[in-house]
Protein backbone atom coordinates (compact mmCIF):
# COMPACT_ATOMS: atom_id res chain seq x y z
CA LYS A 1 -0.05 -0.02 -0.07
CA ARG A 2 2.80 2.38 0.85
CA ALA A 3 4.60 1.82 -2.31
CA MET A 4 1.63 2.51 -4.47
CA ALA A 5 0.96 5.60 -2.41
CA PHE A 6 3.56 7.27 -4.88
CA SER A 7 3.81 10.70 -3.27
CA ASP A 8 4.75 9.20 0.08
CA LEU A 9 7.87 7.32 -1.21
CA SER A 10 11.20 8.34 -0.42
CA CYS A 11 13.57 9.30 -3.17
CA GLY A 12 15.35 6.27 -4.75
CA SER A 13 16.62 4.80 -7.96
CA LEU A 14 14.31 3.60 -10.72
CA ARG A 15 15.60 0.13 -10.05
CA THR A 16 14.64 0.18 -6.42
CA MET A 17 11.20 1.64 -7.24
CA SER A 18 10.66 -1.27 -9.66
CA LYS A 19 11.66 -3.90 -7.10
CA ILE A 20 9.30 -2.31 -4.41
CA VAL A 21 6.28 -2.11 -6.77
CA LYS A 22 6.79 -5.66 -8.00
CA LYS A 23 6.89 -7.06 -4.44
CA VAL A 24 3.64 -5.04 -3.68
CA VAL A 25 1.78 -6.24 -6.81
CA LYS A 26 2.98 -9.82 -6.22
CA ARG A 27 1.51 -9.78 -2.57
CA ASN A 28 -1.79 -8.02 -3.62
CA PRO A 29 -4.80 -10.19 -4.20
CA LEU A 30 -5.52 -8.20 -7.34
CA ASN A 31 -2.62 -9.91 -8.98
CA ALA A 32 -4.76 -12.94 -9.33
CA LEU A 33 -6.82 -10.98 -11.94
CA LYS A 34 -3.87 -11.20 -14.31
CA ARG A 35 -4.95 -14.72 -15.18
CA LYS A 36 -8.09 -13.27 -16.63
CA ARG A 37 -8.23 -12.36 -20.28
CA ALA A 38 -7.81 -8.64 -20.85
CA SER A 39 -10.72 -8.58 -23.12
CA ASP A 40 -12.98 -9.81 -20.32
CA SER A 41 -11.90 -6.67 -18.37
CA ILE A 42 -12.46 -4.30 -21.20
CA GLU A 43 -15.99 -5.59 -21.69
CA ALA A 44 -16.62 -5.05 -18.08
CA VAL A 45 -15.46 -1.44 -18.09
CA GLN A 46 -17.55 -0.81 -21.19
CA ALA A 47 -20.67 -2.31 -19.49
CA THR A 48 -20.22 -0.31 -16.21
CA ARG A 49 -18.61 2.90 -17.60
CA ARG A 50 -16.53 2.73 -14.36
CA VAL A 51 -12.91 1.71 -13.50
CA THR A 52 -13.03 -1.02 -10.90
CA ALA A 53 -10.67 -3.44 -9.12
CA GLU A 54 -12.16 -6.12 -11.52
CA ASN A 55 -11.26 -4.47 -14.74
CA VAL A 56 -8.33 -2.16 -14.12
CA LEU A 57 -5.66 -4.70 -14.90
CA GLY A 58 -7.29 -5.44 -18.36
CA ILE A 59 -7.21 -1.57 -18.95
CA VAL A 60 -3.57 -1.43 -18.12
CA GLU A 61 -2.75 -4.33 -20.53
CA HIS A 62 -4.61 -2.45 -23.21
CA LEU A 63 -2.53 0.63 -22.58
CA LYS A 64 0.56 -1.24 -22.70
CA ARG A 65 -0.14 -2.70 -26.03
CA LYS A 66 -1.14 0.79 -27.49
CA ASP A 67 1.60 3.03 -26.00
CA PRO A 68 5.31 1.88 -25.93
CA THR A 69 6.22 4.77 -23.72
CA LEU A 70 3.49 4.29 -21.26
CA ARG A 71 4.25 0.68 -21.21
CA ASN A 72 7.67 1.42 -19.77
CA VAL A 73 6.19 3.61 -17.06
CA ILE A 74 3.65 0.98 -16.22
CA GLU A 75 6.29 -1.70 -15.80
CA VAL A 76 7.88 0.46 -13.12
CA LEU A 77 4.78 1.81 -11.30
CA GLY A 78 2.56 -1.21 -11.58
CA PRO A 79 -1.30 -1.03 -11.71
CA PRO A 80 -3.09 2.02 -10.46
CA LEU A 81 -4.38 0.38 -7.23
CA SER A 82 -4.49 3.68 -5.34
CA LEU A 83 -6.77 5.12 -7.99
CA VAL A 84 -9.17 2.27 -7.70
CA SER A 85 -9.16 2.44 -3.76
CA ARG A 86 -10.21 6.21 -4.04
CA ILE A 87 -13.33 5.57 -6.27
CA LYS A 88 -15.96 5.46 -3.58
CA GLY A 89 -17.92 7.36 -1.11
CA ASP A 90 -20.44 10.15 -1.14
CA ALA A 91 -20.61 12.64 -4.03
CA PHE A 92 -21.51 15.66 -1.83
CA THR A 93 -18.77 15.03 0.49
CA SER A 94 -16.24 14.62 -2.40
CA LEU A 95 -17.34 17.87 -3.99
CA VAL A 96 -17.23 19.77 -0.61
CA LYS A 97 -13.52 18.42 -0.18
CA SER A 98 -12.74 19.64 -3.59
CA ILE A 99 -14.01 23.13 -2.93
CA VAL A 100 -12.28 23.31 0.48
CA GLY A 101 -8.91 22.27 -1.09
CA GLN A 102 -8.87 24.88 -3.72
CA GLN A 103 -5.69 26.94 -3.62
CA LEU A 104 -4.45 25.39 -0.50
CA SER A 105 -1.63 23.08 0.40
CA SER A 106 -2.64 19.54 0.99
CA LYS A 107 -2.03 19.81 4.81
CA ALA A 108 -4.00 23.09 5.24
CA ALA A 109 -6.93 21.59 3.10
CA ALA A 110 -6.94 18.37 5.12
CA SER A 111 -7.14 20.36 8.44
CA ILE A 112 -9.98 22.51 7.30
CA PHE A 113 -12.02 19.78 5.82
CA CYS A 114 -11.62 17.62 9.05
CA ARG A 115 -13.17 20.50 11.02
CA VAL A 116 -16.08 20.69 8.39
CA GLN A 117 -16.57 17.00 8.78
CA ASP A 118 -16.68 17.31 12.56
CA GLN A 119 -19.15 20.17 12.40
CA CYS A 120 -21.34 19.04 9.42
CA GLY A 121 -20.81 15.37 9.25
CA GLY A 122 -23.17 12.49 9.53
CA GLN A 123 -22.66 8.65 9.36
CA GLY A 124 -19.65 7.42 7.79
CA ALA A 125 -17.80 10.80 7.83
CA HIS A 126 -20.06 12.12 5.02
CA VAL A 127 -20.76 15.84 5.15
CA VAL A 128 -24.43 16.50 5.20
CA PRO A 129 -26.08 19.19 3.11
CA GLU A 130 -28.61 20.17 5.75
CA LYS A 131 -25.86 20.51 8.28
CA ILE A 132 -23.92 22.84 5.97
CA LEU A 133 -26.92 25.07 5.43
CA GLY A 134 -27.93 24.87 9.15
CA ALA A 135 -24.44 25.85 10.39
CA GLY A 136 -24.88 29.29 8.85
CA THR A 137 -22.18 31.56 7.43
CA GLU A 138 -20.34 32.77 10.57
CA LYS A 139 -19.90 29.29 11.76
CA LEU A 140 -18.47 27.95 8.51
CA ARG A 141 -15.98 30.88 8.47
CA THR A 142 -14.73 29.84 11.90
CA LEU A 143 -14.06 26.34 10.49
CA GLY A 144 -11.34 27.93 8.20
CA LEU A 145 -13.44 28.60 5.00
CA SER A 146 -13.19 31.85 3.17
CA GLY A 147 -16.22 33.70 2.62
CA ARG A 148 -16.26 32.85 -1.00
CA LYS A 149 -16.02 29.02 -0.27
CA VAL A 150 -18.81 29.33 2.30
CA GLU A 151 -20.93 30.58 -0.56
CA TYR A 152 -19.69 27.77 -2.79
CA VAL A 153 -20.55 24.93 -0.40
CA GLN A 154 -23.83 26.50 0.46
CA ASP A 155 -24.87 26.75 -3.17
CA LEU A 156 -23.81 23.00 -3.57
CA ALA A 157 -25.79 22.04 -0.45
CA SER A 158 -28.87 23.82 -1.82
CA LYS A 159 -28.67 21.94 -5.19
CA PHE A 160 -28.32 18.53 -3.44
CA LEU A 161 -31.33 19.29 -1.03
CA SER A 162 -33.49 20.55 -4.01
CA GLY A 163 -32.81 17.28 -5.86
CA GLU A 164 -31.07 19.08 -8.67
CA LEU A 165 -28.00 16.97 -7.79
CA SER A 166 -27.71 13.64 -6.02
CA ASN A 167 -25.52 10.53 -5.80
CA GLU A 168 -27.83 8.59 -7.91
CA LYS A 169 -28.20 11.25 -10.70
CA LEU A 170 -24.44 11.80 -11.02
CA SER A 171 -23.63 8.15 -11.19
CA CYS A 172 -26.10 7.75 -14.07
CA LEU A 173 -25.18 10.66 -16.32
CA SER A 174 -22.78 10.58 -19.12
CA ARG A 175 -19.44 12.21 -18.82
CA ASP A 176 -20.54 15.40 -20.76
CA GLU A 177 -23.79 15.47 -18.69
CA VAL A 178 -21.82 15.30 -15.40
CA MET A 179 -19.59 18.32 -16.57
CA GLU A 180 -22.75 20.19 -17.66
CA SER A 181 -24.47 19.73 -14.33
CA LEU A 182 -21.53 20.42 -11.96
CA ILE A 183 -20.20 23.36 -13.89
CA LYS A 184 -23.32 25.14 -12.84
CA VAL A 185 -22.34 25.05 -9.11
CA ARG A 186 -20.45 28.13 -8.06
CA GLY A 187 -16.86 27.24 -7.29
CA LEU A 188 -16.60 24.12 -9.45
CA GLY A 189 -14.66 24.56 -12.68
CA GLU A 190 -13.56 22.11 -15.34
CA TRP A 191 -10.52 20.94 -13.35
CA SER A 192 -12.62 20.34 -10.35
CA VAL A 193 -15.15 18.31 -12.37
CA HIS A 194 -12.47 16.32 -13.94
CA MET A 195 -11.06 15.30 -10.62
CA PHE A 196 -14.55 14.28 -9.40
CA GLN A 197 -15.17 12.22 -12.64
CA ILE A 198 -11.82 10.41 -12.20
CA PHE A 199 -11.34 9.86 -8.49
CA HIS A 200 -14.98 9.63 -7.35
CA LEU A 201 -16.96 8.34 -10.22
CA GLY A 202 -14.20 6.34 -11.74
CA GLU A 203 -14.83 7.54 -15.21
CA PRO A 204 -12.36 5.81 -17.58
CA ASP A 205 -12.00 8.34 -20.36
CA VAL A 206 -11.41 11.70 -18.77
CA LEU A 207 -8.44 14.00 -19.76
CA PRO A 208 -7.74 16.63 -17.12
CA TRP A 209 -6.07 18.87 -19.77
CA GLY A 210 -5.80 21.89 -17.16
CA ASP A 211 -3.82 19.90 -14.57
CA LEU A 212 -0.16 20.96 -14.35
CA GLY A 213 1.15 17.71 -12.96
CA VAL A 214 -0.41 15.79 -15.91
CA LYS A 215 1.05 18.29 -18.50
CA LYS A 216 4.42 18.07 -16.80
CA GLY A 217 4.56 14.39 -16.73
CA ALA A 218 3.59 14.34 -20.41
CA TYR A 219 6.41 16.82 -21.07
CA ALA A 220 9.06 14.71 -19.40
CA LEU A 221 8.06 11.43 -21.12
CA TYR A 222 6.98 12.55 -24.64
CA ALA A 223 7.97 16.02 -25.49
CA ALA A 224 11.46 16.56 -23.99
CA SER A 225 14.44 16.09 -26.27
CA GLY A 226 16.76 13.18 -25.83
CA THR A 227 16.12 9.39 -25.16
CA LYS A 228 15.84 9.63 -21.46
CA PRO A 229 13.05 11.18 -19.41
CA ALA A 230 13.69 14.70 -18.59
CA LYS A 231 13.79 16.19 -15.06
CA PRO A 232 10.72 18.34 -15.20
CA ALA A 233 11.24 22.04 -14.57
CA LYS A 234 8.68 24.18 -13.16
CA SER A 235 7.74 25.71 -16.62
CA ALA A 236 8.20 22.48 -18.52
CA ALA A 237 4.69 21.39 -19.46
CA VAL A 238 2.98 20.44 -22.62
CA SER A 239 0.20 22.60 -24.08
CA ARG A 240 -3.40 21.35 -24.01
CA GLU A 241 -3.31 20.59 -27.79
CA LYS A 242 -0.11 18.51 -27.28
CA LEU A 243 -1.53 16.70 -24.41
CA GLU A 244 -4.73 15.79 -26.35
CA ASP A 245 -2.41 14.51 -29.32
CA ILE A 246 -0.35 12.45 -26.77
CA ALA A 247 -3.39 11.07 -25.06
CA ARG A 248 -5.27 10.25 -28.27
CA VAL A 249 -3.76 6.71 -28.36
CA TRP A 250 -5.07 6.14 -24.64
CA LYS A 251 -8.60 6.38 -25.57
CA PRO A 252 -11.02 5.14 -24.19
CA TYR A 253 -8.82 5.01 -20.97
CA ARG A 254 -7.33 8.49 -20.78
CA SER A 255 -8.12 8.72 -16.97
CA ILE A 256 -5.64 5.82 -16.47
CA GLY A 257 -3.12 7.34 -18.74
CA SER A 258 -3.46 10.75 -16.86
CA TRP A 259 -2.87 8.94 -13.59
CA TYR A 260 0.51 7.52 -14.82
CA MET A 261 1.46 11.17 -15.94
CA TRP A 262 0.90 12.38 -12.37
CA ARG A 263 2.92 9.54 -10.82
CA ALA A 264 5.72 9.84 -13.50
CA ASN A 265 5.96 13.57 -12.73
CA GLU A 266 6.25 13.03 -8.96
CA TYR A 267 8.86 10.23 -9.36
CA LEU A 268 10.97 12.27 -11.83
CA GLU A 269 10.94 15.25 -9.58
CA CYS A 270 11.90 13.06 -6.67
CA VAL A 271 14.81 11.63 -8.58
CA GLY A 272 15.86 15.19 -9.86
CA LYS A 273 16.07 16.41 -6.10
CA GLU A 274 18.10 13.26 -5.29
CA GLU A 275 20.59 14.09 -8.03
CA GLU A 276 20.92 17.75 -7.07
CA GLU A 277 21.54 16.66 -3.50
CA GLU A 278 24.40 14.25 -4.79
CA GLU A 279 25.85 16.92 -6.99
CA GLU A 280 26.05 19.33 -3.89
């Protein structure tokens, strides 16, 4: 589990990373799914329109066949088990968490969201729309939310209480319909909806073209000159058009390809820091 939580890993060589991941995958019960035909998993994701523990390995095998560059990354990082583990929970809670975390560090966002959960939570740590509205503006401000974010979560709560949005509705809508429905909520832009589609709904074919981590990973692996992956600089990122071109071969599983861009970018940044420390 720790090895697959990519951002938690200490810096190490590519060879060490590969050994760690292989050990984790070997122990993981999902490894038994490799014995199933990849086509069975592809049919499963087409039927459910969702990435699940049952079909994710088939998707990975499909991407390995389609994209030699991505295949090399997959061989090192293994299957995206941490992505699958996050696809669950309550839609309202997930969207509130997204709003709370905007323009904040992960640590600050987590601290504020925990306070929101404590004040406005129900069973299973779910945030409850009624409690958001019942808390009032001043109380929500004392939890650490800015005035603008208070307005955002209150607007979201109103839409869930009115029935305009719900877990059931969002899980049944198409990708485009989800975007159309959520973009109407104050505080939710295309990037926030893309994250919701990938990490909450498990949509298999979402390309978060506005995400810097994905664009930096794509630059390092596909666009940088030379044969070796580049150490991503802060400004080194592909354009939206270039990312769409790179990701065309990933269809209909661009969400999974994007996940590997995130992880590759994190790993290459980690290796870059290690090399800079050695040079010093």
